[in-house]
Amino acid sequence: MRKTTRRRPVRRSKKTAKVTLGSLLGAFILAGLSYFSPQWLPESDALRNNAAATPVHTQVNSALTVHFIDVGQADAILIQSGAEAMIIDAGNNADAKLVTDYLQQQGITHLKYAIGTHAHEDHVGSLDAVLYSFDVETVMLPQRTLDSKTYKDVIQAIETTQTPLIHPQPGDIFTLGEDQFTILGPLSEEYSEVNNSSIVLRYVHGQTSILFTGDMQAQSEKDVLASYANMQADILKAPHHGSETSSTQAFLEAVNPRDVILSVGLNNDYNLPSEDVLKRYEKMGFSIYRTDQLGTILIESDGVNYTIHN
């Protein structure tokens, strides 16, 4: 078993230190005024000053577990935060039993969200099986469709189960347990390549952040960069299974992860991940975890530290 524990470093700029010192000084003066003249400061002003001095807490009370399920040359990711769960992609058509059995083994009966990042079979192939097997609150798909039996099966399952379907837009924020995730892409409905229409989201649990990328390629990476969205993440789900179509230098510099997770099949027909991409990851100092080498990969976080193991 390979196990790595990461502690998020605490970084404090000089500017932050000055603000903190000012807040302490303000609190000291306010305390003195309250002690000597309790009625001097109006209640509403006191409340506003107190609120302004209150720090923003990133402490969470529940644990996060992210399962990168080994579905070969495909993606299937289960996220559990406290009592709530969601799935991002669901493998190929042939993975239906594997995926549904795995979710049942984790005690899943209800999913708050089921996200299909894009319409390709290796991402939504078994999403229909998930919908038929579990109580799903909301399905998320990009607006870009595909004229394939696999995609039609997913739409049929949505209609049969009467599950609400939404097309999330960049900037939309959703919650899971105590956590939040923000949609970063796709930023266009006109991409010629379906992969670029992948839903991209940044997930935050306390001080732990993960960027989920589907199969986004260089054009989508460039567009998200140009949007000035916060892309930094501790952990990156490698775009497009580590293909050379993705993981551009500028994109990786913006995300600047410590760890990269590759969902990829053993001895796959596409020769993924790309050796050039792997060298790029290694040169930038990222630790690499691959499902073809480790099987299912787990990330567990208490909101401050996280552990990666299989």
C-alpha atoms as a PDB file:
ATOM      1  CA  MET A   1       0.000   0.000   0.000  1.00  0.00           C
ATOM      2  CA  ARG A   2       1.377   3.402  -0.986  1.00  0.00           C
ATOM      3  CA  LYS A   3       0.491   6.139   1.451  1.00  0.00           C
ATOM      4  CA  THR A   4       1.366   9.818   1.436  1.00  0.00           C
ATOM      5  CA  THR A   5       0.208  12.400   3.953  1.00  0.00           C
ATOM      6  CA  ARG A   6       0.301  16.042   2.965  1.00  0.00           C
ATOM      7  CA  ARG A   7       0.142  18.958   5.387  1.00  0.00           C
ATOM      8  CA  ARG A   8      -0.962  22.226   3.849  1.00  0.00           C
ATOM      9  CA  PRO A   9       1.676  24.889   4.596  1.00  0.00           C
ATOM     10  CA  VAL A  10       0.552  28.043   6.376  1.00  0.00           C
ATOM     11  CA  ARG A  11       1.564  31.075   4.344  1.00  0.00           C
ATOM     12  CA  ARG A  12       1.287  34.576   5.736  1.00  0.00           C
ATOM     13  CA  SER A  13       2.275  37.612   3.705  1.00  0.00           C
ATOM     14  CA  LYS A  14       3.493  40.854   5.234  1.00  0.00           C
ATOM     15  CA  LYS A  15       0.202  42.444   4.249  1.00  0.00           C
ATOM     16  CA  THR A  16      -1.751  39.758   6.105  1.00  0.00           C
ATOM     17  CA  ALA A  17       0.408  40.251   9.193  1.00  0.00           C
ATOM     18  CA  LYS A  18      -0.350  43.977   9.188  1.00  0.00           C
ATOM     19  CA  VAL A  19      -4.072  43.401   8.875  1.00  0.00           C
ATOM     20  CA  THR A  20      -3.963  40.934  11.769  1.00  0.00           C
ATOM     21  CA  LEU A  21      -2.010  43.391  13.946  1.00  0.00           C
ATOM     22  CA  GLY A  22      -4.503  46.127  13.091  1.00  0.00           C
ATOM     23  CA  SER A  23      -7.426  43.880  13.958  1.00  0.00           C
ATOM     24  CA  LEU A  24      -5.864  43.021  17.330  1.00  0.00           C
ATOM     25  CA  LEU A  25      -5.200  46.690  18.076  1.00  0.00           C
ATOM     26  CA  GLY A  26      -8.763  47.588  17.093  1.00  0.00           C
ATOM     27  CA  ALA A  27     -10.146  44.828  19.282  1.00  0.00           C
ATOM     28  CA  PHE A  28      -7.994  46.028  22.220  1.00  0.00           C
ATOM     29  CA  ILE A  29      -9.236  49.626  21.860  1.00  0.00           C
ATOM     30  CA  LEU A  30     -12.830  48.483  21.473  1.00  0.00           C
ATOM     31  CA  ALA A  31     -12.504  46.314  24.566  1.00  0.00           C
ATOM     32  CA  GLY A  32     -11.196  49.289  26.498  1.00  0.00           C
ATOM     33  CA  LEU A  33     -14.067  51.496  25.386  1.00  0.00           C
ATOM     34  CA  SER A  34     -16.552  48.809  26.336  1.00  0.00           C
ATOM     35  CA  TYR A  35     -14.947  48.460  29.768  1.00  0.00           C
ATOM     36  CA  PHE A  36     -14.880  52.136  30.614  1.00  0.00           C
ATOM     37  CA  SER A  37     -18.034  53.300  28.754  1.00  0.00           C
ATOM     38  CA  PRO A  38     -20.278  50.320  27.990  1.00  0.00           C
ATOM     39  CA  GLN A  39     -23.076  52.523  26.589  1.00  0.00           C
ATOM     40  CA  TRP A  40     -20.844  54.701  24.439  1.00  0.00           C
ATOM     41  CA  LEU A  41     -20.821  52.553  21.317  1.00  0.00           C
ATOM     42  CA  PRO A  42     -24.200  51.909  19.635  1.00  0.00           C
ATOM     43  CA  GLU A  43     -25.102  48.210  19.480  1.00  0.00           C
ATOM     44  CA  SER A  44     -25.279  48.121  15.669  1.00  0.00           C
ATOM     45  CA  ASP A  45     -21.803  49.652  15.349  1.00  0.00           C
ATOM     46  CA  ALA A  46     -20.436  47.226  17.920  1.00  0.00           C
ATOM     47  CA  LEU A  47     -21.846  44.302  15.983  1.00  0.00           C
ATOM     48  CA  ARG A  48     -20.380  45.567  12.709  1.00  0.00           C
ATOM     49  CA  ASN A  49     -16.951  46.069  14.260  1.00  0.00           C
ATOM     50  CA  ASN A  50     -17.061  42.637  15.864  1.00  0.00           C
ATOM     51  CA  ALA A  51     -18.061  41.007  12.579  1.00  0.00           C
ATOM     52  CA  ALA A  52     -15.282  42.793  10.725  1.00  0.00           C
ATOM     53  CA  ALA A  53     -12.716  41.538  13.224  1.00  0.00           C
ATOM     54  CA  THR A  54     -13.930  37.933  13.080  1.00  0.00           C
ATOM     55  CA  PRO A  55     -11.523  35.764  11.054  1.00  0.00           C
ATOM     56  CA  VAL A  56     -12.777  33.529   8.258  1.00  0.00           C
ATOM     57  CA  HIS A  57     -12.602  29.915   9.440  1.00  0.00           C
ATOM     58  CA  THR A  58     -11.729  27.045   7.128  1.00  0.00           C
ATOM     59  CA  GLN A  59     -12.126  24.379   9.797  1.00  0.00           C
ATOM     60  CA  VAL A  60     -14.551  21.597   8.928  1.00  0.00           C
ATOM     61  CA  ASN A  61     -16.129  19.049  11.230  1.00  0.00           C
ATOM     62  CA  SER A  62     -16.624  16.212   8.744  1.00  0.00           C
ATOM     63  CA  ALA A  63     -14.165  14.107   6.783  1.00  0.00           C
ATOM     64  CA  LEU A  64     -13.754  14.017   3.009  1.00  0.00           C
ATOM     65  CA  THR A  65     -13.048  10.840   1.055  1.00  0.00           C
ATOM     66  CA  VAL A  66     -12.500  10.860  -2.712  1.00  0.00           C
ATOM     67  CA  HIS A  67     -12.403   7.519  -4.519  1.00  0.00           C
ATOM     68  CA  PHE A  68     -10.746   7.381  -7.935  1.00  0.00           C
ATOM     69  CA  ILE A  69     -12.285   4.050  -8.878  1.00  0.00           C
ATOM     70  CA  ASP A  70     -10.135   1.814 -11.058  1.00  0.00           C
ATOM     71  CA  VAL A  71     -12.315   1.434 -14.157  1.00  0.00           C
ATOM     72  CA  GLY A  72      -9.460   0.931 -16.593  1.00  0.00           C
ATOM     73  CA  GLN A  73      -9.274   3.434 -19.450  1.00  0.00           C
ATOM     74  CA  ALA A  74     -12.103   5.602 -18.116  1.00  0.00           C
ATOM     75  CA  ASP A  75     -13.088   7.897 -15.250  1.00  0.00           C
ATOM     76  CA  ALA A  76     -15.314   7.214 -12.235  1.00  0.00           C
ATOM     77  CA  ILE A  77     -14.925   9.303  -9.082  1.00  0.00           C
ATOM     78  CA  LEU A  78     -16.961   9.000  -5.877  1.00  0.00           C
ATOM     79  CA  ILE A  79     -16.839  11.893  -3.397  1.00  0.00           C
ATOM     80  CA  GLN A  80     -18.118  11.544   0.172  1.00  0.00           C
ATOM     81  CA  SER A  81     -18.312  14.554   2.480  1.00  0.00           C
ATOM     82  CA  GLY A  82     -19.898  13.791   5.814  1.00  0.00           C
ATOM     83  CA  ALA A  83     -23.253  12.153   5.124  1.00  0.00           C
ATOM     84  CA  GLU A  84     -23.493  13.380   1.514  1.00  0.00           C
ATOM     85  CA  ALA A  85     -22.052  11.914  -1.675  1.00  0.00           C
ATOM     86  CA  MET A  86     -21.703  12.624  -5.377  1.00  0.00           C
ATOM     87  CA  ILE A  87     -20.192  10.937  -8.407  1.00  0.00           C
ATOM     88  CA  ILE A  88     -18.188  12.461 -11.237  1.00  0.00           C
ATOM     89  CA  ASP A  89     -18.337  10.228 -14.319  1.00  0.00           C
ATOM     90  CA  ALA A  90     -19.133   6.520 -14.259  1.00  0.00           C
ATOM     91  CA  GLY A  91     -16.798   4.597 -16.545  1.00  0.00           C
ATOM     92  CA  ASN A  92     -17.623   2.674 -19.709  1.00  0.00           C
ATOM     93  CA  ASN A  93     -20.828   0.764 -20.454  1.00  0.00           C
ATOM     94  CA  ALA A  94     -19.088  -2.454 -19.425  1.00  0.00           C
ATOM     95  CA  ASP A  95     -18.270  -0.981 -16.000  1.00  0.00           C
ATOM     96  CA  ALA A  96     -21.888  -0.771 -14.797  1.00  0.00           C
ATOM     97  CA  LYS A  97     -21.681  -3.631 -12.278  1.00  0.00           C
ATOM     98  CA  LEU A  98     -18.206  -2.621 -11.114  1.00  0.00           C
ATOM     99  CA  VAL A  99     -19.301   0.967 -10.434  1.00  0.00           C
ATOM    100  CA  THR A 100     -22.664   0.198  -8.826  1.00  0.00           C
ATOM    101  CA  ASP A 101     -21.172  -2.590  -6.687  1.00  0.00           C
ATOM    102  CA  TYR A 102     -18.406  -0.268  -5.515  1.00  0.00           C
ATOM    103  CA  LEU A 103     -20.885   2.436  -4.502  1.00  0.00           C
ATOM    104  CA  GLN A 104     -23.011  -0.101  -2.640  1.00  0.00           C
ATOM    105  CA  GLN A 105     -19.927  -1.380  -0.808  1.00  0.00           C
ATOM    106  CA  GLN A 106     -19.345   2.172   0.442  1.00  0.00           C
ATOM    107  CA  GLY A 107     -22.882   2.249   1.821  1.00  0.00           C
ATOM    108  CA  ILE A 108     -24.174   4.628  -0.851  1.00  0.00           C
ATOM    109  CA  THR A 109     -27.946   4.718  -1.338  1.00  0.00           C
ATOM    110  CA  HIS A 110     -28.343   8.400  -2.229  1.00  0.00           C
ATOM    111  CA  LEU A 111     -26.273  10.746  -4.398  1.00  0.00           C
ATOM    112  CA  LYS A 112     -26.742  14.499  -4.226  1.00  0.00           C
ATOM    113  CA  TYR A 113     -25.213  14.931  -7.673  1.00  0.00           C
ATOM    114  CA  ALA A 114     -24.283  12.696 -10.584  1.00  0.00           C
ATOM    115  CA  ILE A 115     -22.000  14.585 -12.974  1.00  0.00           C
ATOM    116  CA  GLY A 116     -21.142  13.462 -16.476  1.00  0.00           C
ATOM    117  CA  THR A 117     -18.235  15.692 -17.448  1.00  0.00           C
ATOM    118  CA  HIS A 118     -18.857  15.142 -21.165  1.00  0.00           C
ATOM    119  CA  ALA A 119     -20.678  12.807 -23.522  1.00  0.00           C
ATOM    120  CA  HIS A 120     -17.963  10.244 -24.319  1.00  0.00           C
ATOM    121  CA  GLU A 121     -18.632   6.647 -23.311  1.00  0.00           C
ATOM    122  CA  ASP A 122     -15.599   6.310 -21.029  1.00  0.00           C
ATOM    123  CA  HIS A 123     -17.135   9.002 -18.823  1.00  0.00           C
ATOM    124  CA  VAL A 124     -20.913   8.505 -18.985  1.00  0.00           C
ATOM    125  CA  GLY A 125     -21.107   4.868 -20.089  1.00  0.00           C
ATOM    126  CA  SER A 126     -22.547   3.588 -16.811  1.00  0.00           C
ATOM    127  CA  LEU A 127     -24.237   6.777 -15.675  1.00  0.00           C
ATOM    128  CA  ASP A 128     -27.593   5.293 -16.658  1.00  0.00           C
ATOM    129  CA  ALA A 129     -26.916   2.295 -14.386  1.00  0.00           C
ATOM    130  CA  VAL A 130     -26.131   4.678 -11.522  1.00  0.00           C
ATOM    131  CA  LEU A 131     -29.428   6.493 -12.066  1.00  0.00           C
ATOM    132  CA  TYR A 132     -31.401   3.240 -12.076  1.00  0.00           C
ATOM    133  CA  SER A 133     -29.575   1.875  -9.003  1.00  0.00           C
ATOM    134  CA  PHE A 134     -29.445   4.894  -6.657  1.00  0.00           C
ATOM    135  CA  ASP A 135     -31.579   7.820  -5.567  1.00  0.00           C
ATOM    136  CA  VAL A 136     -30.006  10.787  -7.359  1.00  0.00           C
ATOM    137  CA  GLU A 137     -31.083  14.355  -6.585  1.00  0.00           C
ATOM    138  CA  THR A 138     -29.579  16.134  -9.598  1.00  0.00           C
ATOM    139  CA  VAL A 139     -27.756  15.223 -12.792  1.00  0.00           C
ATOM    140  CA  MET A 140     -25.255  17.674 -14.260  1.00  0.00           C
ATOM    141  CA  LEU A 141     -24.220  17.503 -17.909  1.00  0.00           C
ATOM    142  CA  PRO A 142     -22.666  20.064 -20.253  1.00  0.00           C
ATOM    143  CA  GLN A 143     -24.960  21.413 -22.929  1.00  0.00           C
ATOM    144  CA  ARG A 144     -22.845  19.744 -25.619  1.00  0.00           C
ATOM    145  CA  THR A 145     -24.518  16.477 -26.632  1.00  0.00           C
ATOM    146  CA  LEU A 146     -23.431  13.522 -28.751  1.00  0.00           C
ATOM    147  CA  ASP A 147     -25.417  11.425 -31.189  1.00  0.00           C
ATOM    148  CA  SER A 148     -24.537   8.053 -29.668  1.00  0.00           C
ATOM    149  CA  LYS A 149     -26.473   5.208 -28.104  1.00  0.00           C
ATOM    150  CA  THR A 150     -24.541   5.660 -24.867  1.00  0.00           C
ATOM    151  CA  TYR A 151     -25.557   9.295 -24.513  1.00  0.00           C
ATOM    152  CA  LYS A 152     -29.149   8.540 -25.491  1.00  0.00           C
ATOM    153  CA  ASP A 153     -29.263   5.822 -22.825  1.00  0.00           C
ATOM    154  CA  VAL A 154     -28.228   8.395 -20.217  1.00  0.00           C
ATOM    155  CA  ILE A 155     -30.931  10.832 -21.322  1.00  0.00           C
ATOM    156  CA  GLN A 156     -33.478   8.002 -21.280  1.00  0.00           C
ATOM    157  CA  ALA A 157     -32.470   7.098 -17.710  1.00  0.00           C
ATOM    158  CA  ILE A 158     -32.834  10.745 -16.645  1.00  0.00           C
ATOM    159  CA  GLU A 159     -36.322  10.876 -18.132  1.00  0.00           C
ATOM    160  CA  THR A 160     -37.381   7.474 -16.775  1.00  0.00           C
ATOM    161  CA  THR A 161     -36.251   8.248 -13.234  1.00  0.00           C
ATOM    162  CA  GLN A 162     -37.498  11.843 -13.522  1.00  0.00           C
ATOM    163  CA  THR A 163     -34.207  13.136 -12.160  1.00  0.00           C
ATOM    164  CA  PRO A 164     -33.705  16.900 -12.522  1.00  0.00           C
ATOM    165  CA  LEU A 165     -31.067  17.765 -15.136  1.00  0.00           C
ATOM    166  CA  ILE A 166     -29.052  20.978 -15.105  1.00  0.00           C
ATOM    167  CA  HIS A 167     -26.274  22.405 -17.289  1.00  0.00           C
ATOM    168  CA  PRO A 168     -23.988  24.187 -14.812  1.00  0.00           C
ATOM    169  CA  GLN A 169     -22.338  27.427 -15.899  1.00  0.00           C
ATOM    170  CA  PRO A 170     -18.905  28.843 -15.027  1.00  0.00           C
ATOM    171  CA  GLY A 171     -19.100  30.603 -11.681  1.00  0.00           C
ATOM    172  CA  ASP A 172     -21.933  28.434 -10.352  1.00  0.00           C
ATOM    173  CA  ILE A 173     -21.290  27.249  -6.790  1.00  0.00           C
ATOM    174  CA  PHE A 174     -22.706  24.061  -5.272  1.00  0.00           C
ATOM    175  CA  THR A 175     -22.394  22.472  -1.839  1.00  0.00           C
ATOM    176  CA  LEU A 176     -21.751  18.938  -0.654  1.00  0.00           C
ATOM    177  CA  GLY A 177     -21.834  18.509   3.106  1.00  0.00           C
ATOM    178  CA  GLU A 178     -19.744  21.369   4.485  1.00  0.00           C
ATOM    179  CA  ASP A 179     -17.846  21.696   1.214  1.00  0.00           C
ATOM    180  CA  GLN A 180     -18.208  23.828  -1.886  1.00  0.00           C
ATOM    181  CA  PHE A 181     -17.281  23.349  -5.493  1.00  0.00           C
ATOM    182  CA  THR A 182     -17.174  25.957  -8.215  1.00  0.00           C
ATOM    183  CA  ILE A 183     -17.756  25.328 -11.911  1.00  0.00           C
ATOM    184  CA  LEU A 184     -14.870  26.686 -14.022  1.00  0.00           C
ATOM    185  CA  GLY A 185     -15.746  25.279 -17.435  1.00  0.00           C
ATOM    186  CA  PRO A 186     -16.649  24.738 -20.159  1.00  0.00           C
ATOM    187  CA  LEU A 187     -16.543  28.372 -21.212  1.00  0.00           C
ATOM    188  CA  SER A 188     -17.895  27.812 -24.715  1.00  0.00           C
ATOM    189  CA  GLU A 189     -20.567  25.735 -26.423  1.00  0.00           C
ATOM    190  CA  GLU A 190     -18.780  26.008 -29.763  1.00  0.00           C
ATOM    191  CA  TYR A 191     -15.757  23.780 -29.231  1.00  0.00           C
ATOM    192  CA  SER A 192     -15.157  21.472 -32.184  1.00  0.00           C
ATOM    193  CA  GLU A 193     -13.699  18.841 -29.844  1.00  0.00           C
ATOM    194  CA  VAL A 194     -16.175  17.245 -27.410  1.00  0.00           C
ATOM    195  CA  ASN A 195     -13.413  16.823 -24.819  1.00  0.00           C
ATOM    196  CA  ASN A 196     -13.129  20.605 -24.488  1.00  0.00           C
ATOM    197  CA  SER A 197     -16.782  20.737 -23.433  1.00  0.00           C
ATOM    198  CA  SER A 198     -15.902  18.875 -20.213  1.00  0.00           C
ATOM    199  CA  ILE A 199     -17.322  20.209 -16.974  1.00  0.00           C
ATOM    200  CA  VAL A 200     -14.377  21.465 -14.924  1.00  0.00           C
ATOM    201  CA  LEU A 201     -14.787  22.083 -11.211  1.00  0.00           C
ATOM    202  CA  ARG A 202     -12.680  23.142  -8.253  1.00  0.00           C
ATOM    203  CA  TYR A 203     -13.663  21.353  -5.052  1.00  0.00           C
ATOM    204  CA  VAL A 204     -12.751  22.757  -1.610  1.00  0.00           C
ATOM    205  CA  HIS A 205     -12.831  20.925   1.728  1.00  0.00           C
ATOM    206  CA  GLY A 206     -11.432  23.202   4.436  1.00  0.00           C
ATOM    207  CA  GLN A 207      -7.873  23.861   3.283  1.00  0.00           C
ATOM    208  CA  THR A 208      -7.780  20.965   0.807  1.00  0.00           C
ATOM    209  CA  SER A 209      -8.574  21.731  -2.832  1.00  0.00           C
ATOM    210  CA  ILE A 210      -8.961  19.421  -5.833  1.00  0.00           C
ATOM    211  CA  LEU A 211      -9.346  20.323  -9.504  1.00  0.00           C
ATOM    212  CA  PHE A 212     -11.468  17.884 -11.520  1.00  0.00           C
ATOM    213  CA  THR A 213     -10.933  18.321 -15.249  1.00  0.00           C
ATOM    214  CA  GLY A 214     -12.725  15.599 -17.211  1.00  0.00           C
ATOM    215  CA  ASP A 215     -10.981  15.405 -20.606  1.00  0.00           C
ATOM    216  CA  MET A 216     -10.391  19.132 -21.098  1.00  0.00           C
ATOM    217  CA  GLN A 217      -7.779  19.875 -23.721  1.00  0.00           C
ATOM    218  CA  ALA A 218      -5.435  22.759 -24.458  1.00  0.00           C
ATOM    219  CA  GLN A 219      -8.134  25.117 -25.781  1.00  0.00           C
ATOM    220  CA  SER A 220     -10.310  24.698 -22.698  1.00  0.00           C
ATOM    221  CA  GLU A 221      -7.251  25.073 -20.456  1.00  0.00           C
ATOM    222  CA  LYS A 222      -6.403  28.333 -22.233  1.00  0.00           C
ATOM    223  CA  ASP A 223      -9.968  29.633 -21.895  1.00  0.00           C
ATOM    224  CA  VAL A 224     -10.183  28.867 -18.172  1.00  0.00           C
ATOM    225  CA  LEU A 225      -6.819  30.593 -17.690  1.00  0.00           C
ATOM    226  CA  ALA A 226      -8.130  33.646 -19.557  1.00  0.00           C
ATOM    227  CA  SER A 227     -11.194  33.772 -17.287  1.00  0.00           C
ATOM    228  CA  TYR A 228      -8.951  34.543 -14.278  1.00  0.00           C
ATOM    229  CA  ALA A 229     -10.809  31.943 -12.202  1.00  0.00           C
ATOM    230  CA  ASN A 230      -9.009  30.547  -9.172  1.00  0.00           C
ATOM    231  CA  MET A 231      -7.483  27.324 -10.519  1.00  0.00           C
ATOM    232  CA  GLN A 232      -4.929  26.597  -7.799  1.00  0.00           C
ATOM    233  CA  ALA A 233      -5.396  23.183  -6.219  1.00  0.00           C
ATOM    234  CA  ASP A 234      -3.460  20.816  -3.996  1.00  0.00           C
ATOM    235  CA  ILE A 235      -4.529  17.868  -6.142  1.00  0.00           C
ATOM    236  CA  LEU A 236      -5.101  17.732  -9.903  1.00  0.00           C
ATOM    237  CA  LYS A 237      -7.112  15.058 -11.676  1.00  0.00           C
ATOM    238  CA  ALA A 238      -4.975  14.824 -14.807  1.00  0.00           C
ATOM    239  CA  PRO A 239      -6.877  16.124 -17.848  1.00  0.00           C
ATOM    240  CA  HIS A 240      -7.665  13.571 -20.568  1.00  0.00           C
ATOM    241  CA  HIS A 241      -5.910  10.664 -18.838  1.00  0.00           C
ATOM    242  CA  GLY A 242      -2.505  12.322 -19.211  1.00  0.00           C
ATOM    243  CA  SER A 243      -2.773  12.820 -22.966  1.00  0.00           C
ATOM    244  CA  GLU A 244      -0.418  15.207 -24.780  1.00  0.00           C
ATOM    245  CA  THR A 245      -3.548  17.097 -25.910  1.00  0.00           C
ATOM    246  CA  SER A 246      -3.716  18.553 -22.402  1.00  0.00           C
ATOM    247  CA  SER A 247      -1.644  19.559 -19.359  1.00  0.00           C
ATOM    248  CA  THR A 248      -0.063  22.583 -21.003  1.00  0.00           C
ATOM    249  CA  GLN A 249       2.758  24.290 -19.139  1.00  0.00           C
ATOM    250  CA  ALA A 250       0.757  27.456 -18.480  1.00  0.00           C
ATOM    251  CA  PHE A 251      -2.181  25.452 -17.138  1.00  0.00           C
ATOM    252  CA  LEU A 252       0.000  23.411 -14.788  1.00  0.00           C
ATOM    253  CA  GLU A 253       1.736  26.526 -13.513  1.00  0.00           C
ATOM    254  CA  ALA A 254      -1.648  28.073 -12.681  1.00  0.00           C
ATOM    255  CA  VAL A 255      -2.955  24.975 -10.894  1.00  0.00           C
ATOM    256  CA  ASN A 256       0.403  24.292  -9.228  1.00  0.00           C
ATOM    257  CA  PRO A 257      -0.669  21.057  -7.516  1.00  0.00           C
ATOM    258  CA  ARG A 258       1.458  18.945  -5.217  1.00  0.00           C
ATOM    259  CA  ASP A 259      -0.146  15.711  -6.434  1.00  0.00           C
ATOM    260  CA  VAL A 260      -1.608  14.475  -9.725  1.00  0.00           C
ATOM    261  CA  ILE A 261      -4.059  11.578 -10.053  1.00  0.00           C
ATOM    262  CA  LEU A 262      -4.128   9.689 -13.363  1.00  0.00           C
ATOM    263  CA  SER A 263      -7.144   7.540 -14.170  1.00  0.00           C
ATOM    264  CA  VAL A 264      -5.797   5.297 -16.895  1.00  0.00           C
ATOM    265  CA  GLY A 265      -6.026   1.679 -18.077  1.00  0.00           C
ATOM    266  CA  LEU A 266      -3.168  -0.801 -17.906  1.00  0.00           C
ATOM    267  CA  ASN A 267      -1.520  -1.278 -21.331  1.00  0.00           C
ATOM    268  CA  ASN A 268      -4.287   0.781 -22.962  1.00  0.00           C
ATOM    269  CA  ASP A 269      -4.572   1.150 -26.739  1.00  0.00           C
ATOM    270  CA  TYR A 270      -3.860   4.891 -26.587  1.00  0.00           C
ATOM    271  CA  ASN A 271      -0.426   4.554 -24.917  1.00  0.00           C
ATOM    272  CA  LEU A 272      -1.549   6.856 -22.136  1.00  0.00           C
ATOM    273  CA  PRO A 273      -0.294   8.610 -20.170  1.00  0.00           C
ATOM    274  CA  SER A 274       2.040  10.431 -22.546  1.00  0.00           C
ATOM    275  CA  GLU A 275       5.698  10.162 -21.639  1.00  0.00           C
ATOM    276  CA  ASP A 276       6.154  13.858 -22.420  1.00  0.00           C
ATOM    277  CA  VAL A 277       3.342  14.771 -20.036  1.00  0.00           C
ATOM    278  CA  LEU A 278       4.774  12.547 -17.297  1.00  0.00           C
ATOM    279  CA  LYS A 279       8.159  14.219 -17.714  1.00  0.00           C
ATOM    280  CA  ARG A 280       6.449  17.613 -17.478  1.00  0.00           C
ATOM    281  CA  TYR A 281       4.779  16.595 -14.204  1.00  0.00           C
ATOM    282  CA  GLU A 282       8.030  15.242 -12.804  1.00  0.00           C
ATOM    283  CA  LYS A 283      10.040  18.302 -13.845  1.00  0.00           C
ATOM    284  CA  MET A 284       7.551  20.511 -12.027  1.00  0.00           C
ATOM    285  CA  GLY A 285       7.883  18.401  -8.878  1.00  0.00           C
ATOM    286  CA  PHE A 286       4.408  16.840  -8.822  1.00  0.00           C
ATOM    287  CA  SER A 287       3.885  13.458  -7.186  1.00  0.00           C
ATOM    288  CA  ILE A 288       2.072  11.102  -9.587  1.00  0.00           C
ATOM    289  CA  TYR A 289      -0.509   8.441  -8.677  1.00  0.00           C
ATOM    290  CA  ARG A 290      -1.868   6.112 -11.386  1.00  0.00           C
ATOM    291  CA  THR A 291      -4.825   3.737 -11.252  1.00  0.00           C
ATOM    292  CA  ASP A 292      -3.134   1.381 -13.730  1.00  0.00           C
ATOM    293  CA  GLN A 293      -0.330   0.906 -11.193  1.00  0.00           C
ATOM    294  CA  LEU A 294      -2.133   1.294  -7.867  1.00  0.00           C
ATOM    295  CA  GLY A 295      -5.746   0.306  -8.561  1.00  0.00           C
ATOM    296  CA  THR A 296      -8.411   2.428  -6.893  1.00  0.00           C
ATOM    297  CA  ILE A 297      -6.873   5.511  -5.262  1.00  0.00           C
ATOM    298  CA  LEU A 298      -8.295   7.178  -2.143  1.00  0.00           C
ATOM    299  CA  ILE A 299      -7.833  10.711  -0.892  1.00  0.00           C
ATOM    300  CA  GLU A 300      -8.844  11.372   2.709  1.00  0.00           C
ATOM    301  CA  SER A 301      -8.828  14.842   4.251  1.00  0.00           C
ATOM    302  CA  ASP A 302      -9.727  16.326   7.614  1.00  0.00           C
ATOM    303  CA  GLY A 303      -9.739  19.798   6.087  1.00  0.00           C
ATOM    304  CA  VAL A 304      -6.124  20.536   7.025  1.00  0.00           C
ATOM    305  CA  ASN A 305      -4.084  17.480   6.084  1.00  0.00           C
ATOM    306  CA  TYR A 306      -4.818  14.884   3.436  1.00  0.00           C
ATOM    307  CA  THR A 307      -3.624  11.369   2.740  1.00  0.00           C
ATOM    308  CA  ILE A 308      -3.373   9.580  -0.618  1.00  0.00           C
ATOM    309  CA  HIS A 309      -3.376   5.786  -0.582  1.00  0.00           C
ATOM    310  CA  ASN A 310      -4.750   2.736  -2.367  1.00  0.00           C
END
